[in-house]
Amino acid sequence: MSAVRSRGVASKRALDLVLGSIAFVVTLPVQALTALAIRVAMGGPVLFRQERAGLHGQPFRLVKFRTMQPADPAKGLVRDDERLTRLGQALRTTSLDELPTFWNVIRGDVSLVGPRPLPVTYLERYSPEEARRHDVRPGITGLAQVSGRNAITWEERFRLDLAYADHHTLAGDIVILMRTAHSVLRRSGIAAPGSATMPEFMGRTDA
């Protein structure tokens, strides 16, 4: 790794640590109220934990607020739109479900900005080119998120992820963070068309 790139990585990590720590502490009262609301409306657990692929595809445990009821065919809770609660929809719309993920930023699992961390089960489904999205640390937000969030296709998402991996800068990260704030306020791109969330990535279908 070149000296310039090493300094860039160090600066990005410093920004993550400072802003991530501030955001985590400042939002603690909101997180406490959100946790209480989830406990009352849905019971436990309050947090959702899932193994995701991080830098170079290394697994880590992502932490978010829970927005769905457990799958239960007997109760008709199978699809995401059936399991997503009214409170959970509100948390996703306002991005409040993401607040605990600042802890992952502090730990160094994710960055503030980068490709979205996806389930480790997707790793074997990527083409070699798509897998390059793991050349950088994943992020809470990123170029794909501010370009349509879950409303864009997987092909477009990966194109944007690779563009970020190849050309990201600290100044660019700051621009993405500002665009993220705008997207959250607009509450746009929360789900893919016809879906409560983003459809599962099943791999290439044109091979």
Foldseek 3Di string as FASTA:
>chain_A
DDPVVVVQVVVQLVVLQVVLVVLLVVCVVVVVVQLVVCCVPPNDDQKDWAWWQWALGDTDIAIWGDQFDDADVVVPRHAPVSGGDPSSLVCLLLVVRCSVRSVVSNVVQAGQEAQATDHSVCCVQEDPLLSCLNNHTHHPYYPLCLVQNLQDDPVVSSVRSSVCSVDPGPVNVVVRVVSVVVCSVVSGNSDHVPGNHHDDDPHDDPD
